Amino acid sequence: METIRVLVADDEANYRSALQKVLRLAPEIELVGVAADGREALEIAEDMEPDVLLTDINMPHVNGLQLANRLQRLQPEIRIVILTVSEEAEDVFEAFRSGAIGYILKDSTPKDVVEAIRAAFRDEAMITPRIARLVIDDFRRIEGAPGTDPHFYDLSKREREMLQFLAEGKKNKEIADVLSLAEKTVKNHVSSILRKLHVNTRTEAAMKAVKEGLV
């Protein structure tokens, strides 16, 4: 079992304590640091080089969005999961623009929090259903915007097929099973899709696909 090194950043002491208890119950998770704000998280990340950052948005000194943005530039290999109470569209979109791969709400179950970390470590997105609904609804409110021809991005037929699966929230293994492909082959196709769409994460690719009528 591969160890997942996790850094937690949250300014609420009681919530930090609860998260520590939850994460220590997951055998593959190693909690390498706990920060009370984004500035402290940056220092710990530099020293400990975590695999996954689990961060709130509203924190003093350096907030979670600023933290994600800076880490995306300084340590792009760190996968970032936002864990917050905010359902504001602006926060959601800014989080993904800053490089977050997951966005879940604080009323999520402990099991969902752990699964979001595991998914991020696999380079797979996890979004709370209410947030996914918000994103889709926001795109659909854009009226009169013509769809973009999928050929504009030079996507192959197989890549357009996989983009549909990404928009449906399917994981690499699920896509591999449906298409009878090796999981590594699917991962390579997904990397190609991200490059051609000029996005950093699967979640951004899915949102762009919906927004621009690619699926």
Foldseek 3Di string as FASTA:
>chain_A
DAAFEEEEEAQDPVVQVVLVVLQVVDVRYDDQYYHNALVVVVVSCVVPVGQEYEYEADGPPAGPLNSLQVCCVVPVNHAYEYEYQDLDPVVVVSNQVSHHQEYEYPVDDSVLVVVQSVCSSVQAYYYDPVSLVVLLVVLVVDPPDAADDLCVLVQDPVLLVVLVVLLVRDDLVVVCVVVVHDSVVSVVSCVVQCVSVVGNGSVVSNSSCSNRVSD
